[in-house]
């Protein structure tokens, strides 16, 4: 089995999720719940390559 990519032209962007105003921008920790952290597509961020989990 071969894995690869379809390139930037076929990249997808995730929209929706946890409002970033509910998070500490330094630690990605929930402001309302101590010890609760969020990363990846659950966070409402549309980056240049589609989100927080693209490396």
C-alpha atoms as a PDB file:
ATOM      1  CA  UNK A   1       0.000   0.000   0.000  1.00  0.00           C
ATOM      2  CA  UNK A   2       1.349   3.420  -0.942  1.00  0.00           C
ATOM      3  CA  UNK A   3       0.549   6.580   0.977  1.00  0.00           C
ATOM      4  CA  UNK A   4       0.992  10.121  -0.223  1.00  0.00           C
ATOM      5  CA  UNK A   5      -0.833  13.378  -0.606  1.00  0.00           C
ATOM      6  CA  UNK A   6      -2.982  14.971  -3.248  1.00  0.00           C
ATOM      7  CA  UNK A   7      -1.129  18.265  -2.769  1.00  0.00           C
ATOM      8  CA  UNK A   8      -2.062  21.698  -1.521  1.00  0.00           C
ATOM      9  CA  UNK A   9      -4.673  22.156  -4.233  1.00  0.00           C
ATOM     10  CA  UNK A  10      -6.790  19.410  -2.649  1.00  0.00           C
ATOM     11  CA  UNK A  11      -6.193  20.324   1.001  1.00  0.00           C
ATOM     12  CA  UNK A  12      -9.228  20.702   3.251  1.00  0.00           C
ATOM     13  CA  UNK A  13      -9.944  23.292   5.923  1.00  0.00           C
ATOM     14  CA  UNK A  14     -11.816  22.486   9.111  1.00  0.00           C
ATOM     15  CA  UNK A  15     -14.354  25.043  10.310  1.00  0.00           C
ATOM     16  CA  UNK A  16     -16.255  25.097  13.562  1.00  0.00           C
ATOM     17  CA  UNK A  17     -15.410  23.718  16.947  1.00  0.00           C
ATOM     18  CA  UNK A  18     -14.417  25.254  20.242  1.00  0.00           C
ATOM     19  CA  UNK A  19     -14.403  29.055  20.255  1.00  0.00           C
ATOM     20  CA  UNK A  20     -10.798  30.190  20.764  1.00  0.00           C
ATOM     21  CA  UNK A  21     -11.976  32.886  23.192  1.00  0.00           C
ATOM     22  CA  UNK A  22     -12.679  30.037  25.651  1.00  0.00           C
ATOM     23  CA  UNK A  23      -8.982  29.046  25.639  1.00  0.00           C
ATOM     24  CA  UNK A  24      -5.753  30.406  27.024  1.00  0.00           C
ATOM     25  CA  UNK A  25      -3.672  31.275  23.964  1.00  0.00           C
ATOM     26  CA  UNK A  26      -0.464  30.372  25.810  1.00  0.00           C
ATOM     27  CA  UNK A  27      -1.439  26.893  26.999  1.00  0.00           C
ATOM     28  CA  UNK A  28      -4.521  25.965  24.912  1.00  0.00           C
ATOM     29  CA  UNK A  29      -6.191  25.327  28.267  1.00  0.00           C
ATOM     30  CA  UNK A  30      -9.910  25.850  28.846  1.00  0.00           C
ATOM     31  CA  UNK A  31     -10.492  29.052  30.811  1.00  0.00           C
ATOM     32  CA  UNK A  32     -13.533  27.584  32.606  1.00  0.00           C
ATOM     33  CA  UNK A  33     -12.167  24.104  33.468  1.00  0.00           C
ATOM     34  CA  UNK A  34      -8.707  23.819  35.074  1.00  0.00           C
ATOM     35  CA  UNK A  35      -6.621  20.996  33.595  1.00  0.00           C
ATOM     36  CA  UNK A  36      -8.650  20.694  30.368  1.00  0.00           C
ATOM     37  CA  UNK A  37      -6.671  21.257  27.162  1.00  0.00           C
ATOM     38  CA  UNK A  38      -7.620  21.269  23.468  1.00  0.00           C
ATOM     39  CA  UNK A  39      -5.622  20.855  20.254  1.00  0.00           C
ATOM     40  CA  UNK A  40      -6.220  19.938  16.635  1.00  0.00           C
ATOM     41  CA  UNK A  41      -9.424  20.212  14.686  1.00  0.00           C
ATOM     42  CA  UNK A  42     -11.629  20.576  17.760  1.00  0.00           C
ATOM     43  CA  UNK A  43     -10.366  24.184  17.971  1.00  0.00           C
ATOM     44  CA  UNK A  44     -12.068  26.685  15.653  1.00  0.00           C
ATOM     45  CA  UNK A  45      -8.956  27.794  13.739  1.00  0.00           C
ATOM     46  CA  UNK A  46      -8.574  27.997   9.975  1.00  0.00           C
ATOM     47  CA  UNK A  47      -4.860  28.014   9.323  1.00  0.00           C
ATOM     48  CA  UNK A  48      -3.036  28.411   6.005  1.00  0.00           C
ATOM     49  CA  UNK A  49      -2.835  24.628   5.695  1.00  0.00           C
ATOM     50  CA  UNK A  50      -6.153  23.828   7.338  1.00  0.00           C
ATOM     51  CA  UNK A  51      -5.718  23.662  11.063  1.00  0.00           C
ATOM     52  CA  UNK A  52      -3.572  22.920  14.055  1.00  0.00           C
ATOM     53  CA  UNK A  53      -2.821  19.282  13.293  1.00  0.00           C
ATOM     54  CA  UNK A  54      -1.090  19.683   9.927  1.00  0.00           C
ATOM     55  CA  UNK A  55       2.699  19.544  10.259  1.00  0.00           C
END
